Amino acid sequence: MYRRKIEETLQRWKEKDGRKPLVIKGCRQCGKTSSVVDFARRNYQYVVYLDFHEHKVYKTFFAGSLDVDTLTLTISAGIKGAKFVAGKTCLVLDEIQECPNARASLKYFKLDGRYDVICTGSLLGVNGYKTKDEQNEEDNASIPVGFEQIVTMYPMDFEEWLWANGIEDQHIDYLSNCLKNESPVNEGIHQRMRDLLLRYVVVGGMPEAVAAFLKTNNMNDVLEVQHGIVDTYKADMLKYARQDDKTRIRECFDSIPAQLSKENKKFQYSAIRKGGRSAQYLGSLQWIEDAGIIHRCYNTSITELPLGGNALPDVFKVYMADIGLLVSMLEEGTAWSILQGNLHGYKGAVYESLAADILGKMGRKLYYFQKEGGLELDFLIRYKGECCPLECKARTGNAKSLQTVLKHPEHYHIHHAIKVGDYNIGRNDALLTIPFYMLFLLREV
């Protein structure tokens, strides 16, 4: 087991009085099940585990009455060793989207209060895209609004990757102090972090891919895992999407590397298929986003807070939620080039996607700024109470757009900016430069 941040979330949840059933949602294979089961086994005397994806028969336990006594009697009769003891049993419902009636039962478990319930779901909400003819009775089971707590889990983020590679809290505290004091990082630590960053770009945060890399140090093993995960995503598109949307969802998904390889990385429906329009693909793209596979990054009309309020809903870029999966979808040999330090390919797509990965896994919504005439800022974030541009530069050099907005605060209302790239910490007036591996430390909002 790798150290995951979800463990702290689970512990806080367990310490709450009157806690609701907990639903952990996130993309497939990001580590939800292993984290939940490990937590349950360490914190409860009895754990009852139901995997609706692997064992379809478990859905029959919830086909009748959702009364808690009836359910616990049925489950304990159907699963050898299942034991329900008030205050000592945790019921784990894995892949709960496969059994909507099980999710509906969370209301009754909350009202009953004797047993803790933790659920995982990879594709929660995608049944909403089915037509009425494609839905069945289970699809229409009520969602227990107000009776569940929902938490999003992401693939391993860069900090979790550092933990898996033996970087301890004291080392991260050191980096935090360097950032706070704007002092250069010790050269030995700097080089180690640069190396770990390059490896993170190609491996990403899917736990199985991380495990394969740390075990064998062989990128072929990692790519095999990553290709398998991508194939699983594609299979889900065929299984869970409405019939007339399956092809369009695949087309949207397959177009992502090409969309990011353009000079103008704005997502264009015409780049999916010649003549493609938003009316054809808008729902398809939303399906992929709701499955946790991608993040959208919205253009803003102005460089001011609130970023969400100034976002243009129809102008956006699309990034994969996990950088490793994106790299696995690129041309063969890309991972090898990146490990040699070459992050310059695909017109900056790798660098931008790495920033989107790190920021997205922090739970930040993604924004950028672009206007006619060529001025473009890679990302805008809320940092220390201000709108702060974030520029990703693979090489040292001037960021012209960044310099422009800093020279004209009366127009752009920007007073500070950050440039991230392959260099140590430094400052030039209002511009702070930091190494890319420090991006995850920009936590202050």
Protein backbone atom coordinates (compact mmCIF):
# COMPACT_ATOMS: atom_id res chain seq x y z
CA MET A 1 0.00 0.00 0.00
CA TYR A 2 1.19 3.48 -0.87
CA ARG A 3 0.52 6.44 1.37
CA ARG A 4 -2.50 8.29 0.00
CA LYS A 5 -4.12 11.56 1.05
CA ILE A 6 -7.55 9.93 1.03
CA GLU A 7 -6.51 8.21 4.28
CA GLU A 8 -6.68 11.56 6.10
CA THR A 9 -10.14 12.19 4.61
CA LEU A 10 -11.34 8.78 5.75
CA GLN A 11 -9.97 9.32 9.25
CA ARG A 12 -11.67 12.72 9.58
CA TRP A 13 -14.93 11.17 8.39
CA LYS A 14 -14.74 8.39 10.97
CA GLU A 15 -14.17 10.88 13.77
CA LYS A 16 -17.38 12.77 12.97
CA ASP A 17 -20.45 12.22 15.09
CA GLY A 18 -23.53 11.31 13.09
CA ARG A 19 -21.45 10.65 9.99
CA LYS A 20 -23.23 9.90 6.74
CA PRO A 21 -22.37 7.02 4.44
CA LEU A 22 -19.27 8.06 2.49
CA VAL A 23 -19.08 7.85 -1.30
CA ILE A 24 -15.58 8.00 -2.84
CA LYS A 25 -15.86 8.82 -6.54
CA GLY A 26 -13.11 8.99 -9.13
CA CYS A 27 -11.85 7.55 -12.40
CA ARG A 28 -11.28 3.84 -12.72
CA GLN A 29 -8.14 2.33 -11.19
CA CYS A 30 -7.07 5.43 -9.25
CA GLY A 31 -6.80 3.40 -6.03
CA LYS A 32 -10.23 3.86 -4.45
CA THR A 33 -10.89 0.24 -3.54
CA SER A 34 -7.47 -0.59 -2.08
CA SER A 35 -7.46 2.58 0.04
CA VAL A 36 -10.98 2.04 1.37
CA VAL A 37 -10.55 -1.66 2.14
CA ASP A 38 -7.20 -1.07 3.84
CA PHE A 39 -8.72 1.69 5.98
CA ALA A 40 -11.74 -0.42 6.90
CA ARG A 41 -9.64 -3.41 7.93
CA ARG A 42 -7.44 -1.23 10.15
CA ASN A 43 -10.30 0.60 11.83
CA TYR A 44 -13.16 -1.91 12.21
CA GLN A 45 -13.50 -5.29 13.82
CA TYR A 46 -15.68 -6.56 10.96
CA VAL A 47 -15.62 -5.60 7.28
CA VAL A 48 -18.31 -6.72 4.85
CA TYR A 49 -17.16 -6.15 1.26
CA LEU A 50 -19.45 -6.24 -1.81
CA ASP A 51 -18.01 -5.71 -5.29
CA PHE A 52 -20.91 -5.15 -7.68
CA HIS A 53 -18.65 -5.11 -10.74
CA GLU A 54 -17.17 -8.57 -10.20
CA HIS A 55 -20.19 -10.20 -8.55
CA LYS A 56 -23.41 -9.21 -10.29
CA VAL A 57 -25.36 -11.52 -8.00
CA TYR A 58 -24.80 -9.10 -5.12
CA LYS A 59 -27.25 -6.74 -6.78
CA THR A 60 -30.05 -9.14 -5.86
CA PHE A 61 -29.45 -8.37 -2.17
CA PHE A 62 -30.92 -4.92 -2.84
CA ALA A 63 -33.72 -5.95 -5.19
CA GLY A 64 -36.39 -6.02 -2.50
CA SER A 65 -36.87 -4.11 0.71
CA LEU A 66 -34.18 -1.59 1.65
CA ASP A 67 -34.93 -1.91 5.35
CA VAL A 68 -31.56 -2.23 7.13
CA ASP A 69 -32.48 -5.33 9.13
CA THR A 70 -33.69 -7.04 5.95
CA LEU A 71 -30.55 -6.05 4.04
CA THR A 72 -28.11 -7.19 6.73
CA LEU A 73 -29.97 -10.47 7.10
CA THR A 74 -29.88 -11.05 3.33
CA ILE A 75 -26.20 -10.08 2.96
CA SER A 76 -25.05 -12.20 5.91
CA ALA A 77 -26.97 -15.17 4.49
CA GLY A 78 -25.50 -14.68 1.02
CA ILE A 79 -21.86 -14.05 1.96
CA LYS A 80 -20.02 -16.50 4.17
CA GLY A 81 -18.44 -14.79 7.16
CA ALA A 82 -20.32 -11.50 6.78
CA LYS A 83 -21.08 -10.23 10.25
CA PHE A 84 -23.00 -7.12 11.28
CA VAL A 85 -22.37 -5.79 14.79
CA ALA A 86 -23.52 -2.30 15.72
CA GLY A 87 -20.60 0.14 15.92
CA LYS A 88 -18.05 -2.51 14.87
CA THR A 89 -18.96 -3.33 11.26
CA CYS A 90 -18.08 -1.35 8.15
CA LEU A 91 -19.99 -2.18 4.97
CA VAL A 92 -17.95 -1.46 1.83
CA LEU A 93 -19.95 -1.18 -1.39
CA ASP A 94 -17.51 -1.23 -4.31
CA GLU A 95 -18.45 0.13 -7.77
CA ILE A 96 -21.82 1.22 -6.42
CA GLN A 97 -22.83 2.72 -9.79
CA GLU A 98 -23.49 -0.89 -10.88
CA CYS A 99 -26.30 -1.17 -8.30
CA PRO A 100 -28.38 2.04 -8.01
CA ASN A 101 -30.64 0.37 -5.42
CA ALA A 102 -27.61 -0.05 -3.17
CA ARG A 103 -26.97 3.66 -3.39
CA ALA A 104 -30.61 4.35 -2.60
CA SER A 105 -30.20 2.21 0.54
CA LEU A 106 -27.68 4.70 1.96
CA LYS A 107 -30.58 6.81 3.20
CA TYR A 108 -31.77 3.96 5.38
CA PHE A 109 -28.30 3.11 6.66
CA LYS A 110 -27.88 6.75 7.69
CA LEU A 111 -31.24 6.88 9.45
CA ASP A 112 -30.52 3.55 11.17
CA GLY A 113 -27.03 4.59 12.28
CA ARG A 114 -25.72 1.23 13.50
CA TYR A 115 -23.25 0.51 10.71
CA ASP A 116 -20.72 2.65 8.85
CA VAL A 117 -20.90 2.46 5.07
CA ILE A 118 -18.17 3.43 2.59
CA CYS A 119 -18.84 3.25 -1.14
CA THR A 120 -16.69 3.66 -4.24
CA GLY A 121 -17.91 4.65 -7.67
CA SER A 122 -16.05 5.07 -10.94
CA LEU A 123 -18.84 6.25 -13.19
CA LEU A 124 -21.37 7.87 -10.90
CA GLY A 125 -23.85 9.93 -12.88
CA VAL A 126 -23.14 8.59 -16.36
CA ASN A 127 -26.44 6.68 -16.38
CA GLY A 128 -28.02 10.08 -16.65
CA TYR A 129 -26.93 10.13 -20.28
CA LYS A 130 -29.09 7.14 -21.19
CA THR A 131 -32.40 7.63 -22.96
CA LYS A 132 -35.57 6.53 -21.18
CA ASP A 133 -35.75 3.48 -23.43
CA GLU A 134 -32.19 2.47 -22.48
CA GLN A 135 -32.75 2.89 -18.73
CA ASN A 136 -34.09 0.15 -16.52
CA GLU A 137 -35.86 0.29 -13.18
CA GLU A 138 -32.59 0.31 -11.26
CA ASP A 139 -31.30 3.33 -13.18
CA ASN A 140 -34.22 5.32 -11.81
CA ALA A 141 -33.50 4.47 -8.17
CA SER A 142 -33.40 7.64 -6.15
CA ILE A 143 -30.06 9.22 -5.20
CA PRO A 144 -30.06 9.72 -1.40
CA VAL A 145 -29.58 13.49 -1.46
CA GLY A 146 -28.65 14.72 2.00
CA PHE A 147 -27.90 11.24 3.31
CA GLU A 148 -24.42 10.71 1.86
CA GLN A 149 -21.08 12.51 1.85
CA ILE A 150 -19.33 12.56 -1.53
CA VAL A 151 -15.55 12.91 -1.87
CA THR A 152 -13.54 12.94 -5.10
CA MET A 153 -10.38 10.86 -5.27
CA TYR A 154 -7.76 11.37 -7.98
CA PRO A 155 -4.89 9.23 -9.22
CA MET A 156 -1.72 9.64 -7.14
CA ASP A 157 -0.60 13.24 -7.26
CA PHE A 158 2.99 14.43 -7.45
CA GLU A 159 3.38 14.63 -3.67
CA GLU A 160 2.08 11.07 -3.26
CA TRP A 161 4.53 10.04 -6.00
CA LEU A 162 7.32 11.62 -3.95
CA TRP A 163 6.22 9.67 -0.87
CA ALA A 164 6.26 6.43 -2.89
CA ASN A 165 9.84 7.22 -3.91
CA GLY A 166 11.07 7.69 -0.36
CA ILE A 167 10.79 11.47 -0.10
CA GLU A 168 9.78 12.23 3.47
CA ASP A 169 7.79 15.05 5.05
CA GLN A 170 10.98 16.75 6.24
CA HIS A 171 12.18 17.05 2.64
CA ILE A 172 8.87 18.55 1.54
CA ASP A 173 8.96 20.92 4.51
CA TYR A 174 12.40 22.01 3.32
CA LEU A 175 11.03 22.75 -0.15
CA SER A 176 8.11 24.64 1.37
CA ASN A 177 10.51 26.82 3.35
CA CYS A 178 12.56 27.50 0.23
CA LEU A 179 9.41 28.65 -1.54
CA LYS A 180 8.29 30.75 1.41
CA ASN A 181 11.69 32.43 1.74
CA GLU A 182 12.29 32.50 -2.03
CA SER A 183 15.70 30.92 -1.49
CA PRO A 184 17.34 28.48 -3.97
CA VAL A 185 17.01 24.76 -3.34
CA ASN A 186 20.17 22.85 -2.42
CA GLU A 187 21.69 21.59 -5.67
CA GLY A 188 21.67 17.91 -4.65
CA ILE A 189 17.99 18.02 -3.68
CA HIS A 190 17.22 20.10 -6.77
CA GLN A 191 18.68 17.48 -9.11
CA ARG A 192 16.91 14.62 -7.30
CA MET A 193 13.57 16.41 -7.57
CA ARG A 194 14.13 17.17 -11.26
CA ASP A 195 14.76 13.48 -11.90
CA LEU A 196 11.64 12.43 -9.98
CA LEU A 197 9.57 14.97 -11.92
CA LEU A 198 10.65 13.52 -15.28
CA ARG A 199 9.75 10.04 -14.10
CA TYR A 200 6.37 11.24 -12.87
CA VAL A 201 5.60 12.69 -16.30
CA VAL A 202 5.90 9.28 -17.97
CA VAL A 203 4.52 7.12 -15.16
CA GLY A 204 1.73 9.35 -13.86
CA GLY A 205 -0.32 8.49 -10.83
CA MET A 206 -2.23 5.30 -11.56
CA PRO A 207 -1.17 3.06 -8.64
CA GLU A 208 -0.70 -0.02 -10.83
CA ALA A 209 1.57 1.92 -13.19
CA VAL A 210 3.51 3.34 -10.23
CA ALA A 211 3.92 -0.14 -8.77
CA ALA A 212 5.14 -1.53 -12.10
CA PHE A 213 7.74 1.20 -12.44
CA LEU A 214 9.04 0.98 -8.88
CA LYS A 215 9.24 -2.81 -9.10
CA THR A 216 10.98 -3.22 -12.46
CA ASN A 217 12.11 0.27 -13.54
CA ASN A 218 11.00 -0.85 -17.00
CA MET A 219 8.91 1.55 -19.07
CA ASN A 220 7.55 -1.28 -21.22
CA ASP A 221 5.87 -2.70 -18.12
CA VAL A 222 4.46 0.73 -17.30
CA LEU A 223 3.14 1.26 -20.82
CA GLU A 224 1.46 -2.14 -20.76
CA VAL A 225 -0.42 -1.13 -17.62
CA GLN A 226 -1.30 2.30 -18.99
CA HIS A 227 -2.56 0.92 -22.31
CA GLY A 228 -4.71 -1.54 -20.35
CA ILE A 229 -6.27 1.31 -18.36
CA VAL A 230 -6.97 3.30 -21.52
CA ASP A 231 -8.58 0.22 -23.05
CA THR A 232 -10.76 -0.10 -19.93
CA TYR A 233 -11.89 3.49 -20.38
CA LYS A 234 -12.82 2.76 -23.98
CA ALA A 235 -14.74 -0.35 -22.92
CA ASP A 236 -16.67 1.74 -20.38
CA MET A 237 -17.63 4.12 -23.16
CA LEU A 238 -19.23 1.24 -25.02
CA LYS A 239 -20.89 -0.23 -21.93
CA TYR A 240 -22.27 2.80 -20.11
CA ALA A 241 -22.91 5.43 -22.80
CA ARG A 242 -26.21 5.75 -24.59
CA GLN A 243 -26.28 3.81 -27.83
CA ASP A 244 -26.26 6.73 -30.26
CA ASP A 245 -23.40 8.47 -28.43
CA LYS A 246 -20.85 5.65 -28.14
CA THR A 247 -18.99 6.52 -31.35
CA ARG A 248 -18.89 10.25 -30.63
CA ILE A 249 -17.48 9.70 -27.14
CA ARG A 250 -14.69 7.56 -28.57
CA GLU A 251 -13.98 10.19 -31.23
CA CYS A 252 -13.75 12.93 -28.58
CA PHE A 253 -11.45 10.85 -26.42
CA ASP A 254 -9.17 9.77 -29.26
CA SER A 255 -8.80 13.38 -30.43
CA ILE A 256 -7.29 14.67 -27.17
CA PRO A 257 -3.59 14.18 -28.08
CA ALA A 258 -4.12 15.89 -31.43
CA GLN A 259 -6.07 18.74 -29.80
CA LEU A 260 -3.15 19.40 -27.44
CA SER A 261 -0.57 19.16 -30.21
CA LYS A 262 -2.04 22.16 -32.05
CA GLU A 263 -0.46 25.59 -31.71
CA ASN A 264 -3.83 26.84 -30.50
CA LYS A 265 -4.84 24.26 -27.91
CA LYS A 266 -8.43 25.41 -27.63
CA PHE A 267 -10.66 22.34 -27.95
CA GLN A 268 -12.22 22.38 -31.40
CA TYR A 269 -15.07 20.09 -32.39
CA SER A 270 -14.05 20.44 -36.03
CA ALA A 271 -10.73 18.79 -35.09
CA ILE A 272 -12.62 15.65 -34.03
CA ARG A 273 -14.18 15.22 -37.42
CA LYS A 274 -14.34 17.56 -40.37
CA GLY A 275 -17.48 19.65 -39.99
CA GLY A 276 -17.94 18.60 -36.36
CA ARG A 277 -20.07 20.94 -34.24
CA SER A 278 -20.65 21.44 -30.53
CA ALA A 279 -24.25 20.26 -30.85
CA GLN A 280 -22.93 16.85 -31.90
CA TYR A 281 -20.19 16.41 -29.32
CA LEU A 282 -20.99 18.53 -26.27
CA GLY A 283 -22.72 15.70 -24.41
CA SER A 284 -19.99 13.24 -25.42
CA LEU A 285 -17.28 15.42 -23.94
CA GLN A 286 -19.33 15.90 -20.78
CA TRP A 287 -19.58 12.11 -20.41
CA ILE A 288 -15.76 11.80 -20.47
CA GLU A 289 -15.43 14.59 -17.92
CA ASP A 290 -18.03 13.07 -15.60
CA ALA A 291 -16.12 9.77 -15.76
CA GLY A 292 -13.12 11.61 -14.26
CA ILE A 293 -10.90 11.05 -17.30
CA ILE A 294 -10.31 14.69 -18.28
CA HIS A 295 -10.17 18.20 -16.87
CA ARG A 296 -11.43 21.22 -18.76
CA CYS A 297 -9.49 24.48 -18.58
CA TYR A 298 -11.71 27.49 -19.31
CA ASN A 299 -10.71 30.75 -20.92
CA THR A 300 -11.63 33.82 -18.90
CA SER A 301 -12.96 37.10 -20.25
CA ILE A 302 -10.73 39.14 -17.92
CA THR A 303 -7.77 38.50 -15.61
CA GLU A 304 -9.65 39.11 -12.38
CA LEU A 305 -11.26 37.18 -9.55
CA PRO A 306 -13.59 35.36 -9.38
CA LEU A 307 -12.13 33.15 -12.08
CA GLY A 308 -15.20 30.93 -12.27
CA GLY A 309 -17.47 33.93 -12.67
CA ASN A 310 -15.36 35.28 -15.54
CA ALA A 311 -14.98 31.95 -17.36
CA LEU A 312 -16.25 31.59 -20.92
CA PRO A 313 -18.26 28.34 -20.89
CA ASP A 314 -17.79 27.60 -24.59
CA VAL A 315 -14.05 28.31 -24.84
CA PHE A 316 -11.79 25.75 -23.19
CA LYS A 317 -8.88 23.35 -23.46
CA VAL A 318 -9.05 19.68 -22.48
CA TYR A 319 -6.32 17.91 -20.54
CA MET A 320 -6.09 14.31 -19.42
CA ALA A 321 -6.58 14.01 -15.66
CA ASP A 322 -3.42 11.88 -15.46
CA ILE A 323 -0.24 12.93 -17.28
CA GLY A 324 1.07 9.36 -17.52
CA LEU A 325 -1.98 8.19 -19.46
CA LEU A 326 -1.60 11.11 -21.88
CA VAL A 327 2.06 10.26 -22.55
CA SER A 328 1.08 6.63 -23.16
CA MET A 329 -1.30 7.85 -25.89
CA LEU A 330 1.41 9.84 -27.69
CA GLU A 331 3.82 8.65 -30.35
CA GLU A 332 5.99 5.65 -29.49
CA GLY A 333 9.30 6.77 -28.04
CA THR A 334 7.89 9.89 -26.36
CA ALA A 335 8.39 8.48 -22.87
CA TRP A 336 12.04 7.73 -23.60
CA SER A 337 12.62 11.29 -24.86
CA ILE A 338 11.00 12.76 -21.74
CA LEU A 339 13.18 10.65 -19.45
CA GLN A 340 16.19 12.18 -21.24
CA GLY A 341 14.92 15.60 -20.22
CA ASN A 342 13.12 16.54 -23.44
CA LEU A 343 9.79 18.08 -22.47
CA HIS A 344 9.68 20.44 -25.42
CA GLY A 345 7.68 18.36 -27.88
CA TYR A 346 4.08 18.69 -28.99
CA LYS A 347 4.23 22.52 -28.94
CA GLY A 348 4.38 22.69 -25.16
CA ALA A 349 1.55 20.21 -24.65
CA VAL A 350 3.53 18.03 -22.23
CA TYR A 351 4.51 20.96 -20.02
CA GLU A 352 0.97 22.36 -19.93
CA SER A 353 -0.51 18.91 -19.32
CA LEU A 354 1.87 18.38 -16.40
CA ALA A 355 0.69 21.64 -14.83
CA ALA A 356 -2.94 20.65 -15.43
CA ASP A 357 -2.27 17.27 -13.80
CA ILE A 358 -0.74 18.81 -10.68
CA LEU A 359 -3.29 21.62 -10.32
CA GLY A 360 -6.25 19.34 -11.11
CA LYS A 361 -5.21 16.76 -8.52
CA MET A 362 -5.01 19.58 -5.98
CA GLY A 363 -8.73 20.03 -6.58
CA ARG A 364 -8.24 23.34 -8.36
CA LYS A 365 -10.47 24.22 -11.28
CA LEU A 366 -8.45 25.18 -14.34
CA TYR A 367 -8.47 28.54 -16.13
CA TYR A 368 -6.35 30.33 -18.72
CA PHE A 369 -6.48 33.67 -20.54
CA GLN A 370 -6.24 34.28 -24.26
CA LYS A 371 -7.40 37.15 -26.38
CA GLU A 372 -7.15 38.06 -30.01
CA GLY A 373 -3.80 39.50 -30.90
CA GLY A 374 -1.74 36.66 -29.44
CA LEU A 375 -1.65 37.45 -25.71
CA GLU A 376 -2.02 34.18 -23.82
CA LEU A 377 -1.40 33.12 -20.22
CA ASP A 378 -1.09 29.35 -19.72
CA PHE A 379 -3.03 29.27 -16.43
CA LEU A 380 -4.68 31.62 -13.98
CA ILE A 381 -4.92 30.61 -10.33
CA ARG A 382 -6.14 32.22 -7.17
CA TYR A 383 -3.02 32.61 -5.02
CA LYS A 384 -2.72 34.59 -1.80
CA GLY A 385 -6.02 36.29 -2.48
CA GLU A 386 -5.12 37.53 -5.95
CA CYS A 387 -5.50 36.46 -9.56
CA CYS A 388 -2.06 35.11 -10.40
CA PRO A 389 -0.88 34.09 -13.89
CA LEU A 390 1.07 30.86 -14.07
CA GLU A 391 3.35 30.44 -17.06
CA CYS A 392 4.90 27.09 -17.99
CA LYS A 393 8.22 27.45 -19.79
CA ALA A 394 10.21 24.45 -20.92
CA ARG A 395 13.23 26.69 -21.42
CA THR A 396 14.47 29.84 -19.77
CA GLY A 397 13.64 33.06 -21.53
CA ASN A 398 11.10 35.83 -21.61
CA ALA A 399 7.40 35.13 -21.38
CA LYS A 400 6.17 38.03 -23.50
CA SER A 401 2.51 37.80 -22.52
CA LEU A 402 3.46 37.66 -18.86
CA GLN A 403 5.65 40.73 -19.19
CA THR A 404 2.86 42.57 -20.95
CA VAL A 405 0.27 42.04 -18.23
CA LEU A 406 2.78 42.89 -15.47
CA LYS A 407 3.68 46.16 -17.20
CA HIS A 408 0.03 47.21 -17.40
CA PRO A 409 -1.61 46.55 -14.01
CA GLU A 410 -4.05 49.38 -14.69
CA HIS A 411 -5.56 47.30 -17.49
CA TYR A 412 -5.02 43.65 -16.47
CA HIS A 413 -5.12 44.10 -12.65
CA ILE A 414 -2.20 41.69 -12.27
CA HIS A 415 0.46 42.54 -9.67
CA HIS A 416 2.29 39.23 -9.24
CA ALA A 417 3.01 36.26 -11.51
CA ILE A 418 4.76 32.90 -11.34
CA LYS A 419 6.83 31.18 -13.99
CA VAL A 420 7.55 27.47 -13.60
CA GLY A 421 10.17 25.54 -15.50
CA ASP A 422 13.49 23.72 -15.35
CA TYR A 423 15.33 26.14 -13.08
CA ASN A 424 15.78 27.00 -9.41
CA ILE A 425 13.98 29.67 -7.38
CA GLY A 426 14.48 33.30 -8.29
CA ARG A 427 12.67 36.62 -8.43
CA ASN A 428 12.66 39.55 -10.84
CA ASP A 429 10.44 42.29 -9.41
CA ALA A 430 6.84 40.99 -9.59
CA LEU A 431 7.81 37.74 -11.31
CA LEU A 432 8.66 34.71 -9.17
CA THR A 433 10.32 31.77 -10.92
CA ILE A 434 10.14 28.33 -9.36
CA PRO A 435 11.14 24.81 -10.43
CA PHE A 436 8.27 22.78 -11.86
CA TYR A 437 8.46 20.27 -9.03
CA MET A 438 7.35 23.01 -6.61
CA LEU A 439 4.02 23.62 -8.34
CA PHE A 440 2.15 21.38 -5.89
CA LEU A 441 3.24 23.66 -3.03
CA LEU A 442 1.17 26.60 -4.32
CA ARG A 443 -1.60 25.69 -1.92
CA GLU A 444 -2.42 29.10 -0.47
CA VAL A 445 -5.54 30.66 -1.93
